Amino acid sequence: MSVVKTKDFIKELALELETTQADAKVVQEAFINVAHRILTEQQAGVPLGALGNIKVEVKAAREYPNIQDPEGDKIQKSAHYAVKYVPAKKLKDALKEVSVVEA
């Protein structure tokens, strides 16, 4: 598995939008800023169209054993928000149809 570099993503976005890379970068940064603000300030999900959704979930407080402590004291984890990506069915189906290339 590899990750596309940001500059390569910007090039692809510019081609798709038929615009300059500078304008494509502005669009990408605007999308990321809006999504980040919605996720952090509103704790609401962000739709990603055919890619799926990013959701914010509340994780309940819990305790779990500290395996490094010989006395078995528990570690407390407070309630917190967590981000979860839920892929769209369309994306999952498309990935199933692609054959795996061995490197």
C-alpha atoms as a PDB file:
ATOM      1  CA  MET A   1       0.000   0.000   0.000  1.00  0.00           C
ATOM      2  CA  SER A   2       1.151   3.481  -0.724  1.00  0.00           C
ATOM      3  CA  VAL A   3      -0.147   6.981  -0.195  1.00  0.00           C
ATOM      4  CA  VAL A   4      -0.466   9.585  -2.921  1.00  0.00           C
ATOM      5  CA  LYS A   5       1.612  12.648  -2.135  1.00  0.00           C
ATOM      6  CA  THR A   6      -0.278  15.901  -1.605  1.00  0.00           C
ATOM      7  CA  LYS A   7       1.326  17.546  -4.623  1.00  0.00           C
ATOM      8  CA  ASP A   8       0.237  14.630  -6.838  1.00  0.00           C
ATOM      9  CA  PHE A   9      -3.292  14.792  -5.421  1.00  0.00           C
ATOM     10  CA  ILE A  10      -3.383  18.538  -6.178  1.00  0.00           C
ATOM     11  CA  LYS A  11      -2.290  17.820  -9.774  1.00  0.00           C
ATOM     12  CA  GLU A  12      -5.104  15.277 -10.190  1.00  0.00           C
ATOM     13  CA  LEU A  13      -7.618  17.657  -8.632  1.00  0.00           C
ATOM     14  CA  ALA A  14      -6.514  20.460 -10.961  1.00  0.00           C
ATOM     15  CA  LEU A  15      -6.986  18.179 -13.974  1.00  0.00           C
ATOM     16  CA  GLU A  16     -10.457  17.142 -12.767  1.00  0.00           C
ATOM     17  CA  LEU A  17     -11.493  20.755 -12.169  1.00  0.00           C
ATOM     18  CA  GLU A  18      -9.744  21.965 -15.333  1.00  0.00           C
ATOM     19  CA  THR A  19      -8.008  24.686 -13.364  1.00  0.00           C
ATOM     20  CA  THR A  20      -4.564  25.590 -12.082  1.00  0.00           C
ATOM     21  CA  GLN A  21      -2.819  23.693  -9.322  1.00  0.00           C
ATOM     22  CA  ALA A  22      -2.878  26.841  -7.177  1.00  0.00           C
ATOM     23  CA  ASP A  23      -6.676  27.044  -7.470  1.00  0.00           C
ATOM     24  CA  ALA A  24      -7.011  23.313  -6.829  1.00  0.00           C
ATOM     25  CA  LYS A  25      -4.922  23.673  -3.670  1.00  0.00           C
ATOM     26  CA  VAL A  26      -7.248  26.452  -2.459  1.00  0.00           C
ATOM     27  CA  VAL A  27     -10.252  24.162  -3.031  1.00  0.00           C
ATOM     28  CA  GLN A  28      -8.596  21.262  -1.209  1.00  0.00           C
ATOM     29  CA  GLU A  29      -7.577  23.428   1.764  1.00  0.00           C
ATOM     30  CA  ALA A  30     -11.070  24.968   1.966  1.00  0.00           C
ATOM     31  CA  PHE A  31     -12.684  21.516   2.043  1.00  0.00           C
ATOM     32  CA  ILE A  32     -10.299  20.309   4.740  1.00  0.00           C
ATOM     33  CA  ASN A  33     -10.840  23.450   6.846  1.00  0.00           C
ATOM     34  CA  VAL A  34     -14.638  23.186   6.637  1.00  0.00           C
ATOM     35  CA  ALA A  35     -14.599  19.452   7.437  1.00  0.00           C
ATOM     36  CA  HIS A  36     -12.215  20.000  10.359  1.00  0.00           C
ATOM     37  CA  ARG A  37     -14.386  22.798  11.761  1.00  0.00           C
ATOM     38  CA  ILE A  38     -17.576  20.712  11.513  1.00  0.00           C
ATOM     39  CA  LEU A  39     -15.935  17.682  13.135  1.00  0.00           C
ATOM     40  CA  THR A  40     -14.332  19.599  16.004  1.00  0.00           C
ATOM     41  CA  GLU A  41     -16.784  22.412  16.737  1.00  0.00           C
ATOM     42  CA  GLN A  42     -20.106  20.716  15.994  1.00  0.00           C
ATOM     43  CA  GLN A  43     -19.026  17.110  16.633  1.00  0.00           C
ATOM     44  CA  ALA A  44     -21.089  16.233  13.549  1.00  0.00           C
ATOM     45  CA  GLY A  45     -20.374  13.878  10.668  1.00  0.00           C
ATOM     46  CA  VAL A  46     -19.056  14.982   7.290  1.00  0.00           C
ATOM     47  CA  PRO A  47     -20.349  13.376   4.076  1.00  0.00           C
ATOM     48  CA  LEU A  48     -17.697  12.428   1.537  1.00  0.00           C
ATOM     49  CA  GLY A  49     -20.038  11.445  -1.291  1.00  0.00           C
ATOM     50  CA  ALA A  50     -19.062   8.194  -3.001  1.00  0.00           C
ATOM     51  CA  LEU A  51     -16.196   7.740  -0.504  1.00  0.00           C
ATOM     52  CA  GLY A  52     -18.433   7.446   2.570  1.00  0.00           C
ATOM     53  CA  ASN A  53     -18.729   9.484   5.756  1.00  0.00           C
ATOM     54  CA  ILE A  54     -16.568  10.648   8.617  1.00  0.00           C
ATOM     55  CA  LYS A  55     -18.521  10.354  11.854  1.00  0.00           C
ATOM     56  CA  VAL A  56     -17.877  11.587  15.377  1.00  0.00           C
ATOM     57  CA  GLU A  57     -18.739   9.142  18.148  1.00  0.00           C
ATOM     58  CA  VAL A  58     -18.762   9.509  21.913  1.00  0.00           C
ATOM     59  CA  LYS A  59     -16.691   6.828  23.586  1.00  0.00           C
ATOM     60  CA  ALA A  60     -17.843   6.064  27.113  1.00  0.00           C
ATOM     61  CA  ALA A  61     -15.545   6.269  30.132  1.00  0.00           C
ATOM     62  CA  ARG A  62     -13.968   2.948  30.975  1.00  0.00           C
ATOM     63  CA  GLU A  63     -11.221   1.299  32.915  1.00  0.00           C
ATOM     64  CA  TYR A  64      -8.857  -1.386  31.802  1.00  0.00           C
ATOM     65  CA  PRO A  65      -6.070  -3.374  33.442  1.00  0.00           C
ATOM     66  CA  ASN A  66      -2.545  -1.990  33.468  1.00  0.00           C
ATOM     67  CA  ILE A  67      -0.492  -4.957  32.298  1.00  0.00           C
ATOM     68  CA  GLN A  68       2.745  -3.265  33.368  1.00  0.00           C
ATOM     69  CA  ASP A  69       1.582  -2.966  36.984  1.00  0.00           C
ATOM     70  CA  PRO A  70       2.214  -6.175  38.970  1.00  0.00           C
ATOM     71  CA  GLU A  71      -0.521  -5.220  41.467  1.00  0.00           C
ATOM     72  CA  GLY A  72      -3.092  -5.053  38.667  1.00  0.00           C
ATOM     73  CA  ASP A  73      -4.256  -1.485  39.253  1.00  0.00           C
ATOM     74  CA  LYS A  74      -6.711  -0.214  36.683  1.00  0.00           C
ATOM     75  CA  ILE A  75      -6.156   2.671  34.266  1.00  0.00           C
ATOM     76  CA  GLN A  76      -9.039   5.125  33.942  1.00  0.00           C
ATOM     77  CA  LYS A  77      -9.963   6.385  30.475  1.00  0.00           C
ATOM     78  CA  SER A  78     -12.408   9.297  30.503  1.00  0.00           C
ATOM     79  CA  ALA A  79     -15.233   9.740  28.012  1.00  0.00           C
ATOM     80  CA  HIS A  80     -14.072  11.322  24.775  1.00  0.00           C
ATOM     81  CA  TYR A  81     -14.934  11.955  21.151  1.00  0.00           C
ATOM     82  CA  ALA A  82     -13.535   9.637  18.491  1.00  0.00           C
ATOM     83  CA  VAL A  83     -13.556   9.879  14.713  1.00  0.00           C
ATOM     84  CA  LYS A  84     -14.752   6.961  12.606  1.00  0.00           C
ATOM     85  CA  TYR A  85     -14.590   6.598   8.834  1.00  0.00           C
ATOM     86  CA  VAL A  86     -17.452   4.647   7.279  1.00  0.00           C
ATOM     87  CA  PRO A  87     -16.785   3.743   3.635  1.00  0.00           C
ATOM     88  CA  ALA A  88     -19.637   3.934   1.138  1.00  0.00           C
ATOM     89  CA  LYS A  89     -21.019   0.706  -0.292  1.00  0.00           C
ATOM     90  CA  LYS A  90     -20.190   2.001  -3.766  1.00  0.00           C
ATOM     91  CA  LEU A  91     -16.504   2.309  -2.795  1.00  0.00           C
ATOM     92  CA  LYS A  92     -16.416  -1.130  -1.158  1.00  0.00           C
ATOM     93  CA  ASP A  93     -17.988  -2.718  -4.244  1.00  0.00           C
ATOM     94  CA  ALA A  94     -15.552  -0.929  -6.571  1.00  0.00           C
ATOM     95  CA  LEU A  95     -12.560  -2.158  -4.535  1.00  0.00           C
ATOM     96  CA  LYS A  96     -13.868  -5.738  -4.641  1.00  0.00           C
ATOM     97  CA  GLU A  97     -13.838  -5.612  -8.434  1.00  0.00           C
ATOM     98  CA  VAL A  98     -10.187  -4.498  -8.642  1.00  0.00           C
ATOM     99  CA  SER A  99      -7.617  -7.284  -8.764  1.00  0.00           C
ATOM    100  CA  VAL A 100      -4.738  -7.147  -6.301  1.00  0.00           C
ATOM    101  CA  VAL A 101      -1.356  -6.364  -7.852  1.00  0.00           C
ATOM    102  CA  GLU A 102       1.549  -8.096  -6.136  1.00  0.00           C
ATOM    103  CA  ALA A 103       4.563  -5.849  -5.629  1.00  0.00           C
END
